[in-house]
């Protein structure tokens, strides 16, 4: 276990209606939000799933898709360097003939830190427009905190979060586009994932309507003991919470589920179930 002498990290959760299909407007809005978050002392700003383009935008997904080093990435690197805050944002990433639902993390000095492609595709929208990623654990360090990334539906698979816990993730970032009537995920499941893996989870959702989807908001930052540190309602909010690396070690000393596992008893757990 690493030293616990590292300072806490202030995290900003950007729950907004955002702008669909208008990348220029989104980037302008992000620049304003990043400056506001940095002015409040945040070291990391987390945006929702597909934050730069919109999520439920049908055939505009391939039209707006860009490579990892495209214009969106370059603009956001400039925003982070100017504002002095790390940013996690979402966009449709083009890789040859494939498009991925990607969350990218950029450092406070404008350097790319990590990129995660959503691995579990939800429903017809995801399956029609996106190819799945294949890396379960993507990590980086932000101000000394080991950060991991999943996207939306991925957090609903306990194996994914457990893989992060075993790999040493202290703060799991989960940008999402959770719609009604699935509020249960934001209300209950996210807290459970944090508790059973003794790590922080920042679950950042959209709000408002986008085409036929109504997003439920309810973004939340959860501590390793399952306590809600900050919680949004269903409207636009910029939330601030503190992630203390020492809390991970403290909770794992108190809640010994990870240490008490007996993997030899369930070696076939990862096998696919068939009806």
C-alpha atoms as a PDB file:
ATOM      1  CA  UNK A   1       0.000   0.000   0.000  1.00  0.00           C
ATOM      2  CA  UNK A   2       1.343   3.432  -0.941  1.00  0.00           C
ATOM      3  CA  UNK A   3       2.076   6.249   1.480  1.00  0.00           C
ATOM      4  CA  UNK A   4      -0.934   8.139   2.796  1.00  0.00           C
ATOM      5  CA  UNK A   5       0.897  11.452   3.225  1.00  0.00           C
ATOM      6  CA  UNK A   6      -0.443  12.818  -0.070  1.00  0.00           C
ATOM      7  CA  UNK A   7      -2.756  15.853   0.125  1.00  0.00           C
ATOM      8  CA  UNK A   8      -6.470  15.596  -0.697  1.00  0.00           C
ATOM      9  CA  UNK A   9      -7.683  16.327  -4.232  1.00  0.00           C
ATOM     10  CA  UNK A  10     -10.620  18.656  -4.819  1.00  0.00           C
ATOM     11  CA  UNK A  11     -12.813  17.300  -7.614  1.00  0.00           C
ATOM     12  CA  UNK A  12     -15.459  19.257  -9.551  1.00  0.00           C
ATOM     13  CA  UNK A  13     -18.428  17.353 -10.996  1.00  0.00           C
ATOM     14  CA  UNK A  14     -20.021  19.135 -13.962  1.00  0.00           C
ATOM     15  CA  UNK A  15     -23.667  18.082 -14.219  1.00  0.00           C
ATOM     16  CA  UNK A  16     -25.179  20.070 -17.034  1.00  0.00           C
ATOM     17  CA  UNK A  17     -27.658  19.861 -19.892  1.00  0.00           C
ATOM     18  CA  UNK A  18     -24.693  20.573 -22.182  1.00  0.00           C
ATOM     19  CA  UNK A  19     -25.147  21.280 -25.874  1.00  0.00           C
ATOM     20  CA  UNK A  20     -25.923  18.635 -28.479  1.00  0.00           C
ATOM     21  CA  UNK A  21     -24.170  18.644 -31.837  1.00  0.00           C
ATOM     22  CA  UNK A  22     -22.491  22.061 -31.349  1.00  0.00           C
ATOM     23  CA  UNK A  23     -18.842  21.426 -30.537  1.00  0.00           C
ATOM     24  CA  UNK A  24     -17.890  25.114 -30.574  1.00  0.00           C
ATOM     25  CA  UNK A  25     -20.543  25.985 -27.986  1.00  0.00           C
ATOM     26  CA  UNK A  26     -19.545  23.025 -25.851  1.00  0.00           C
ATOM     27  CA  UNK A  27     -15.864  23.955 -25.866  1.00  0.00           C
ATOM     28  CA  UNK A  28     -16.680  27.551 -24.933  1.00  0.00           C
ATOM     29  CA  UNK A  29     -18.854  26.331 -22.082  1.00  0.00           C
ATOM     30  CA  UNK A  30     -16.129  23.931 -20.931  1.00  0.00           C
ATOM     31  CA  UNK A  31     -13.545  26.708 -20.865  1.00  0.00           C
ATOM     32  CA  UNK A  32     -15.818  28.784 -18.625  1.00  0.00           C
ATOM     33  CA  UNK A  33     -16.536  25.850 -16.331  1.00  0.00           C
ATOM     34  CA  UNK A  34     -12.877  24.867 -16.100  1.00  0.00           C
ATOM     35  CA  UNK A  35     -11.887  28.368 -15.037  1.00  0.00           C
ATOM     36  CA  UNK A  36     -14.685  28.461 -12.461  1.00  0.00           C
ATOM     37  CA  UNK A  37     -13.663  25.079 -11.052  1.00  0.00           C
ATOM     38  CA  UNK A  38     -10.001  26.054 -10.882  1.00  0.00           C
ATOM     39  CA  UNK A  39     -10.911  29.307  -9.137  1.00  0.00           C
ATOM     40  CA  UNK A  40     -12.664  27.202  -6.470  1.00  0.00           C
ATOM     41  CA  UNK A  41      -9.485  25.184  -5.895  1.00  0.00           C
ATOM     42  CA  UNK A  42     -10.375  22.044  -7.862  1.00  0.00           C
ATOM     43  CA  UNK A  43      -7.552  20.013  -9.346  1.00  0.00           C
ATOM     44  CA  UNK A  44      -9.817  17.868 -11.542  1.00  0.00           C
ATOM     45  CA  UNK A  45     -13.010  18.562 -13.492  1.00  0.00           C
ATOM     46  CA  UNK A  46     -15.127  15.568 -14.517  1.00  0.00           C
ATOM     47  CA  UNK A  47     -17.656  15.954 -17.350  1.00  0.00           C
ATOM     48  CA  UNK A  48     -20.483  13.584 -18.379  1.00  0.00           C
ATOM     49  CA  UNK A  49     -20.432  10.901 -21.069  1.00  0.00           C
ATOM     50  CA  UNK A  50     -19.935  12.233 -24.611  1.00  0.00           C
ATOM     51  CA  UNK A  51     -19.789  15.714 -23.130  1.00  0.00           C
ATOM     52  CA  UNK A  52     -18.343  17.480 -26.165  1.00  0.00           C
ATOM     53  CA  UNK A  53     -20.877  16.389 -28.779  1.00  0.00           C
ATOM     54  CA  UNK A  54     -23.962  15.011 -27.078  1.00  0.00           C
ATOM     55  CA  UNK A  55     -24.844  11.359 -26.535  1.00  0.00           C
ATOM     56  CA  UNK A  56     -28.269  10.718 -28.090  1.00  0.00           C
ATOM     57  CA  UNK A  57     -27.467  12.326 -31.437  1.00  0.00           C
ATOM     58  CA  UNK A  58     -27.965   9.394 -33.837  1.00  0.00           C
ATOM     59  CA  UNK A  59     -26.123   9.700 -37.152  1.00  0.00           C
ATOM     60  CA  UNK A  60     -24.327  12.834 -35.992  1.00  0.00           C
ATOM     61  CA  UNK A  61     -22.075  10.508 -33.982  1.00  0.00           C
ATOM     62  CA  UNK A  62     -19.996   9.378 -36.974  1.00  0.00           C
ATOM     63  CA  UNK A  63     -20.137  12.898 -38.444  1.00  0.00           C
ATOM     64  CA  UNK A  64     -18.681  14.459 -35.301  1.00  0.00           C
ATOM     65  CA  UNK A  65     -16.250  11.656 -34.500  1.00  0.00           C
ATOM     66  CA  UNK A  66     -12.593  12.664 -34.378  1.00  0.00           C
ATOM     67  CA  UNK A  67      -9.278  10.867 -33.928  1.00  0.00           C
ATOM     68  CA  UNK A  68      -7.558  10.939 -30.553  1.00  0.00           C
ATOM     69  CA  UNK A  69      -5.384  13.867 -31.661  1.00  0.00           C
ATOM     70  CA  UNK A  70      -8.182  15.766 -33.402  1.00  0.00           C
ATOM     71  CA  UNK A  71      -9.464  19.278 -32.953  1.00  0.00           C
ATOM     72  CA  UNK A  72     -11.487  18.531 -29.800  1.00  0.00           C
ATOM     73  CA  UNK A  73      -8.459  17.037 -28.079  1.00  0.00           C
ATOM     74  CA  UNK A  74      -6.227  19.955 -29.071  1.00  0.00           C
ATOM     75  CA  UNK A  75      -8.746  22.558 -27.910  1.00  0.00           C
ATOM     76  CA  UNK A  76      -9.248  20.869 -24.547  1.00  0.00           C
ATOM     77  CA  UNK A  77      -5.516  20.568 -23.976  1.00  0.00           C
ATOM     78  CA  UNK A  78      -5.365  24.316 -24.445  1.00  0.00           C
ATOM     79  CA  UNK A  79      -8.259  24.832 -22.008  1.00  0.00           C
ATOM     80  CA  UNK A  80      -6.596  22.762 -19.300  1.00  0.00           C
ATOM     81  CA  UNK A  81      -3.258  24.488 -19.740  1.00  0.00           C
ATOM     82  CA  UNK A  82      -4.883  27.932 -19.592  1.00  0.00           C
ATOM     83  CA  UNK A  83      -7.072  27.165 -16.570  1.00  0.00           C
ATOM     84  CA  UNK A  84      -4.591  24.962 -14.707  1.00  0.00           C
ATOM     85  CA  UNK A  85      -6.998  22.098 -14.009  1.00  0.00           C
ATOM     86  CA  UNK A  86      -7.098  18.490 -15.212  1.00  0.00           C
ATOM     87  CA  UNK A  87     -10.223  17.571 -17.202  1.00  0.00           C
ATOM     88  CA  UNK A  88     -11.979  14.304 -18.043  1.00  0.00           C
ATOM     89  CA  UNK A  89     -14.217  14.730 -21.097  1.00  0.00           C
ATOM     90  CA  UNK A  90     -16.119  12.454 -23.449  1.00  0.00           C
ATOM     91  CA  UNK A  91     -16.245  12.340 -27.232  1.00  0.00           C
ATOM     92  CA  UNK A  92     -16.796   9.960 -30.173  1.00  0.00           C
ATOM     93  CA  UNK A  93     -13.318   8.730 -31.068  1.00  0.00           C
ATOM     94  CA  UNK A  94     -12.687   7.672 -34.649  1.00  0.00           C
ATOM     95  CA  UNK A  95     -10.147   4.887 -35.136  1.00  0.00           C
ATOM     96  CA  UNK A  96     -10.173   3.895 -38.793  1.00  0.00           C
ATOM     97  CA  UNK A  97     -13.637   2.573 -39.629  1.00  0.00           C
ATOM     98  CA  UNK A  98     -14.603   2.256 -35.971  1.00  0.00           C
ATOM     99  CA  UNK A  99     -16.016   4.832 -33.577  1.00  0.00           C
ATOM    100  CA  UNK A 100     -15.590   4.427 -29.822  1.00  0.00           C
ATOM    101  CA  UNK A 101     -17.389   6.078 -26.927  1.00  0.00           C
ATOM    102  CA  UNK A 102     -14.259   7.464 -25.284  1.00  0.00           C
ATOM    103  CA  UNK A 103     -13.455   9.353 -22.095  1.00  0.00           C
ATOM    104  CA  UNK A 104     -10.115  11.182 -22.209  1.00  0.00           C
ATOM    105  CA  UNK A 105      -8.165  12.616 -19.293  1.00  0.00           C
ATOM    106  CA  UNK A 106      -5.898  15.650 -19.778  1.00  0.00           C
ATOM    107  CA  UNK A 107      -3.493  17.028 -17.178  1.00  0.00           C
ATOM    108  CA  UNK A 108      -3.518  20.546 -15.762  1.00  0.00           C
ATOM    109  CA  UNK A 109      -0.627  21.459 -18.041  1.00  0.00           C
ATOM    110  CA  UNK A 110      -2.326  20.228 -21.196  1.00  0.00           C
ATOM    111  CA  UNK A 111      -0.773  16.782 -21.521  1.00  0.00           C
ATOM    112  CA  UNK A 112      -2.878  13.681 -22.361  1.00  0.00           C
ATOM    113  CA  UNK A 113      -2.890  11.283 -19.407  1.00  0.00           C
ATOM    114  CA  UNK A 114      -5.289   8.473 -20.330  1.00  0.00           C
ATOM    115  CA  UNK A 115      -8.067   7.464 -22.694  1.00  0.00           C
ATOM    116  CA  UNK A 116     -10.696   4.818 -22.010  1.00  0.00           C
ATOM    117  CA  UNK A 117     -13.061   3.318 -24.563  1.00  0.00           C
ATOM    118  CA  UNK A 118     -16.419   2.169 -23.192  1.00  0.00           C
ATOM    119  CA  UNK A 119     -16.294  -1.623 -23.050  1.00  0.00           C
ATOM    120  CA  UNK A 120     -19.918  -2.566 -22.302  1.00  0.00           C
ATOM    121  CA  UNK A 121     -22.332  -1.183 -24.880  1.00  0.00           C
ATOM    122  CA  UNK A 122     -25.853  -0.422 -23.675  1.00  0.00           C
ATOM    123  CA  UNK A 123     -28.940  -0.772 -25.825  1.00  0.00           C
ATOM    124  CA  UNK A 124     -29.533  -0.094 -29.478  1.00  0.00           C
ATOM    125  CA  UNK A 125     -27.938   3.357 -29.444  1.00  0.00           C
ATOM    126  CA  UNK A 126     -24.538   2.182 -28.242  1.00  0.00           C
ATOM    127  CA  UNK A 127     -24.525  -0.992 -30.303  1.00  0.00           C
ATOM    128  CA  UNK A 128     -25.489   0.772 -33.522  1.00  0.00           C
ATOM    129  CA  UNK A 129     -22.912   3.560 -33.396  1.00  0.00           C
ATOM    130  CA  UNK A 130     -19.992   2.378 -31.280  1.00  0.00           C
ATOM    131  CA  UNK A 131     -17.399  -0.364 -31.258  1.00  0.00           C
ATOM    132  CA  UNK A 132     -16.519  -1.699 -27.780  1.00  0.00           C
ATOM    133  CA  UNK A 133     -13.187  -1.082 -26.150  1.00  0.00           C
ATOM    134  CA  UNK A 134     -11.128  -3.956 -24.759  1.00  0.00           C
ATOM    135  CA  UNK A 135      -9.014  -2.473 -21.937  1.00  0.00           C
ATOM    136  CA  UNK A 136     -10.789  -2.979 -18.580  1.00  0.00           C
ATOM    137  CA  UNK A 137      -8.411  -0.869 -16.503  1.00  0.00           C
ATOM    138  CA  UNK A 138      -7.048   2.508 -17.595  1.00  0.00           C
ATOM    139  CA  UNK A 139      -5.295   4.600 -14.934  1.00  0.00           C
ATOM    140  CA  UNK A 140      -3.334   7.805 -14.477  1.00  0.00           C
ATOM    141  CA  UNK A 141      -2.139  10.000 -11.624  1.00  0.00           C
ATOM    142  CA  UNK A 142      -3.760  13.361 -10.895  1.00  0.00           C
ATOM    143  CA  UNK A 143      -2.017  15.360  -8.164  1.00  0.00           C
ATOM    144  CA  UNK A 144      -0.714  12.112  -6.686  1.00  0.00           C
ATOM    145  CA  UNK A 145      -4.080  10.316  -6.651  1.00  0.00           C
ATOM    146  CA  UNK A 146      -4.349   7.126  -8.714  1.00  0.00           C
ATOM    147  CA  UNK A 147      -7.356   7.702 -10.965  1.00  0.00           C
ATOM    148  CA  UNK A 148      -9.200   5.105 -13.064  1.00  0.00           C
ATOM    149  CA  UNK A 149     -11.884   5.539 -15.729  1.00  0.00           C
ATOM    150  CA  UNK A 150     -15.042   3.669 -16.725  1.00  0.00           C
ATOM    151  CA  UNK A 151     -17.984   4.930 -18.795  1.00  0.00           C
ATOM    152  CA  UNK A 152     -21.648   4.699 -17.776  1.00  0.00           C
ATOM    153  CA  UNK A 153     -22.890   1.085 -18.137  1.00  0.00           C
ATOM    154  CA  UNK A 154     -19.428  -0.280 -17.295  1.00  0.00           C
ATOM    155  CA  UNK A 155     -19.877   0.514 -13.589  1.00  0.00           C
ATOM    156  CA  UNK A 156     -22.905  -1.780 -13.460  1.00  0.00           C
ATOM    157  CA  UNK A 157     -20.608  -4.781 -13.917  1.00  0.00           C
ATOM    158  CA  UNK A 158     -19.024  -5.579 -10.531  1.00  0.00           C
ATOM    159  CA  UNK A 159     -16.032  -7.246 -12.165  1.00  0.00           C
ATOM    160  CA  UNK A 160     -14.993  -3.963 -13.777  1.00  0.00           C
ATOM    161  CA  UNK A 161     -14.867  -2.024 -10.523  1.00  0.00           C
ATOM    162  CA  UNK A 162     -13.220  -4.917  -8.703  1.00  0.00           C
ATOM    163  CA  UNK A 163     -10.489  -4.969 -11.360  1.00  0.00           C
ATOM    164  CA  UNK A 164      -9.819  -1.308 -10.572  1.00  0.00           C
ATOM    165  CA  UNK A 165      -9.689  -1.972  -6.841  1.00  0.00           C
ATOM    166  CA  UNK A 166      -7.152  -4.762  -7.344  1.00  0.00           C
ATOM    167  CA  UNK A 167      -5.105  -2.527  -9.660  1.00  0.00           C
ATOM    168  CA  UNK A 168      -4.897   0.183  -7.003  1.00  0.00           C
ATOM    169  CA  UNK A 169      -7.387   2.755  -8.256  1.00  0.00           C
ATOM    170  CA  UNK A 170      -8.208   5.256  -5.514  1.00  0.00           C
ATOM    171  CA  UNK A 171     -10.658   7.439  -7.441  1.00  0.00           C
ATOM    172  CA  UNK A 172     -12.840   5.909 -10.146  1.00  0.00           C
ATOM    173  CA  UNK A 173     -14.260   8.414 -12.631  1.00  0.00           C
ATOM    174  CA  UNK A 174     -17.517   7.368 -14.294  1.00  0.00           C
ATOM    175  CA  UNK A 175     -18.947   9.837 -16.817  1.00  0.00           C
ATOM    176  CA  UNK A 176     -22.466   8.747 -17.678  1.00  0.00           C
ATOM    177  CA  UNK A 177     -25.679   9.532 -19.553  1.00  0.00           C
ATOM    178  CA  UNK A 178     -28.117   7.818 -17.198  1.00  0.00           C
ATOM    179  CA  UNK A 179     -31.713   8.280 -18.195  1.00  0.00           C
ATOM    180  CA  UNK A 180     -34.975   7.744 -16.379  1.00  0.00           C
ATOM    181  CA  UNK A 181     -36.341   5.353 -15.161  1.00  0.00           C
ATOM    182  CA  UNK A 182     -32.927   3.935 -14.136  1.00  0.00           C
ATOM    183  CA  UNK A 183     -32.338   6.308 -11.207  1.00  0.00           C
ATOM    184  CA  UNK A 184     -31.550   3.266  -9.054  1.00  0.00           C
ATOM    185  CA  UNK A 185     -28.058   3.147 -10.536  1.00  0.00           C
ATOM    186  CA  UNK A 186     -27.220   6.668  -9.357  1.00  0.00           C
ATOM    187  CA  UNK A 187     -29.135   6.354  -6.091  1.00  0.00           C
ATOM    188  CA  UNK A 188     -27.903   2.978  -4.858  1.00  0.00           C
ATOM    189  CA  UNK A 189     -25.615   0.977  -7.127  1.00  0.00           C
ATOM    190  CA  UNK A 190     -22.793   3.533  -7.286  1.00  0.00           C
ATOM    191  CA  UNK A 191     -22.600   3.709  -3.502  1.00  0.00           C
ATOM    192  CA  UNK A 192     -22.478  -0.089  -3.375  1.00  0.00           C
ATOM    193  CA  UNK A 193     -19.595  -0.225  -5.855  1.00  0.00           C
ATOM    194  CA  UNK A 194     -17.601   2.272  -3.768  1.00  0.00           C
ATOM    195  CA  UNK A 195     -18.253   0.379  -0.527  1.00  0.00           C
ATOM    196  CA  UNK A 196     -17.535  -3.127  -1.782  1.00  0.00           C
ATOM    197  CA  UNK A 197     -14.256  -2.020  -3.371  1.00  0.00           C
ATOM    198  CA  UNK A 198     -13.203   0.636  -0.848  1.00  0.00           C
ATOM    199  CA  UNK A 199     -12.487   3.366  -3.377  1.00  0.00           C
ATOM    200  CA  UNK A 200     -13.892   6.775  -4.254  1.00  0.00           C
ATOM    201  CA  UNK A 201     -16.346   6.946  -7.165  1.00  0.00           C
ATOM    202  CA  UNK A 202     -17.182  10.145  -9.047  1.00  0.00           C
ATOM    203  CA  UNK A 203     -20.333   9.411 -11.066  1.00  0.00           C
ATOM    204  CA  UNK A 204     -21.107  12.402 -13.311  1.00  0.00           C
ATOM    205  CA  UNK A 205     -24.348  12.498 -15.268  1.00  0.00           C
ATOM    206  CA  UNK A 206     -26.149  14.714 -17.717  1.00  0.00           C
ATOM    207  CA  UNK A 207     -29.443  16.424 -16.940  1.00  0.00           C
ATOM    208  CA  UNK A 208     -32.359  17.670 -18.990  1.00  0.00           C
ATOM    209  CA  UNK A 209     -33.641  16.151 -22.218  1.00  0.00           C
ATOM    210  CA  UNK A 210     -31.864  15.114 -25.388  1.00  0.00           C
ATOM    211  CA  UNK A 211     -34.177  13.923 -28.160  1.00  0.00           C
ATOM    212  CA  UNK A 212     -36.286  11.168 -26.563  1.00  0.00           C
ATOM    213  CA  UNK A 213     -34.076  10.668 -23.491  1.00  0.00           C
ATOM    214  CA  UNK A 214     -34.627  12.362 -20.136  1.00  0.00           C
ATOM    215  CA  UNK A 215     -31.467  12.282 -18.032  1.00  0.00           C
ATOM    216  CA  UNK A 216     -31.965  11.972 -14.291  1.00  0.00           C
ATOM    217  CA  UNK A 217     -28.935  13.928 -13.056  1.00  0.00           C
ATOM    218  CA  UNK A 218     -28.072  12.818  -9.495  1.00  0.00           C
ATOM    219  CA  UNK A 219     -24.307  13.022  -9.993  1.00  0.00           C
ATOM    220  CA  UNK A 220     -22.478  11.904  -6.876  1.00  0.00           C
ATOM    221  CA  UNK A 221     -19.045  11.601  -5.305  1.00  0.00           C
ATOM    222  CA  UNK A 222     -18.895   8.613  -2.971  1.00  0.00           C
ATOM    223  CA  UNK A 223     -16.258   7.847  -0.342  1.00  0.00           C
ATOM    224  CA  UNK A 224     -14.689   4.375   0.118  1.00  0.00           C
ATOM    225  CA  UNK A 225     -17.104   3.622   2.969  1.00  0.00           C
ATOM    226  CA  UNK A 226     -20.147   4.304   0.768  1.00  0.00           C
ATOM    227  CA  UNK A 227     -20.808   7.761   2.197  1.00  0.00           C
ATOM    228  CA  UNK A 228     -22.048  10.399  -0.234  1.00  0.00           C
ATOM    229  CA  UNK A 229     -19.631  13.317  -0.130  1.00  0.00           C
ATOM    230  CA  UNK A 230     -21.633  15.479  -2.547  1.00  0.00           C
ATOM    231  CA  UNK A 231     -24.868  14.772  -4.412  1.00  0.00           C
ATOM    232  CA  UNK A 232     -26.672  16.692  -7.163  1.00  0.00           C
ATOM    233  CA  UNK A 233     -30.401  16.866  -7.721  1.00  0.00           C
ATOM    234  CA  UNK A 234     -31.824  16.609 -11.246  1.00  0.00           C
ATOM    235  CA  UNK A 235     -30.828  20.046 -12.535  1.00  0.00           C
ATOM    236  CA  UNK A 236     -27.674  21.818 -13.681  1.00  0.00           C
ATOM    237  CA  UNK A 237     -24.985  21.925 -10.963  1.00  0.00           C
ATOM    238  CA  UNK A 238     -21.243  22.250 -10.545  1.00  0.00           C
ATOM    239  CA  UNK A 239     -20.385  20.249  -7.417  1.00  0.00           C
ATOM    240  CA  UNK A 240     -17.152  20.156  -5.428  1.00  0.00           C
ATOM    241  CA  UNK A 241     -15.913  17.324  -3.255  1.00  0.00           C
ATOM    242  CA  UNK A 242     -12.686  16.238  -1.599  1.00  0.00           C
ATOM    243  CA  UNK A 243     -10.924  12.956  -2.293  1.00  0.00           C
ATOM    244  CA  UNK A 244      -8.547  11.965   0.502  1.00  0.00           C
ATOM    245  CA  UNK A 245      -6.142   9.161  -0.480  1.00  0.00           C
ATOM    246  CA  UNK A 246      -5.766   8.268   3.209  1.00  0.00           C
ATOM    247  CA  UNK A 247      -9.458   7.307   3.313  1.00  0.00           C
ATOM    248  CA  UNK A 248      -8.820   4.378   0.955  1.00  0.00           C
ATOM    249  CA  UNK A 249      -6.272   2.774   3.263  1.00  0.00           C
ATOM    250  CA  UNK A 250      -8.315   3.550   6.364  1.00  0.00           C
ATOM    251  CA  UNK A 251     -11.428   1.934   4.911  1.00  0.00           C
ATOM    252  CA  UNK A 252      -9.534  -1.137   3.712  1.00  0.00           C
ATOM    253  CA  UNK A 253      -8.213  -1.649   7.233  1.00  0.00           C
ATOM    254  CA  UNK A 254     -11.758  -1.414   8.586  1.00  0.00           C
ATOM    255  CA  UNK A 255     -13.621  -3.199   5.787  1.00  0.00           C
ATOM    256  CA  UNK A 256     -11.503  -6.230   4.891  1.00  0.00           C
ATOM    257  CA  UNK A 257     -13.598  -7.615   2.035  1.00  0.00           C
ATOM    258  CA  UNK A 258     -10.798  -7.292  -0.513  1.00  0.00           C
ATOM    259  CA  UNK A 259      -8.281  -9.037   1.745  1.00  0.00           C
ATOM    260  CA  UNK A 260     -10.814 -11.734   2.687  1.00  0.00           C
ATOM    261  CA  UNK A 261     -11.648 -12.785  -0.854  1.00  0.00           C
ATOM    262  CA  UNK A 262     -11.032 -16.433  -1.764  1.00  0.00           C
ATOM    263  CA  UNK A 263     -10.657 -16.405  -5.579  1.00  0.00           C
ATOM    264  CA  UNK A 264      -9.940 -20.155  -5.629  1.00  0.00           C
ATOM    265  CA  UNK A 265     -13.603 -20.749  -4.721  1.00  0.00           C
ATOM    266  CA  UNK A 266     -14.996 -18.975  -7.784  1.00  0.00           C
ATOM    267  CA  UNK A 267     -12.517 -19.450 -10.629  1.00  0.00           C
ATOM    268  CA  UNK A 268     -15.305 -19.602 -13.228  1.00  0.00           C
ATOM    269  CA  UNK A 269     -16.908 -16.321 -12.196  1.00  0.00           C
ATOM    270  CA  UNK A 270     -15.816 -14.593 -15.386  1.00  0.00           C
ATOM    271  CA  UNK A 271     -17.336 -17.278 -17.614  1.00  0.00           C
ATOM    272  CA  UNK A 272     -20.322 -16.110 -19.626  1.00  0.00           C
ATOM    273  CA  UNK A 273     -23.695 -17.405 -18.445  1.00  0.00           C
ATOM    274  CA  UNK A 274     -26.011 -18.853 -21.017  1.00  0.00           C
ATOM    275  CA  UNK A 275     -29.709 -19.529 -20.503  1.00  0.00           C
END
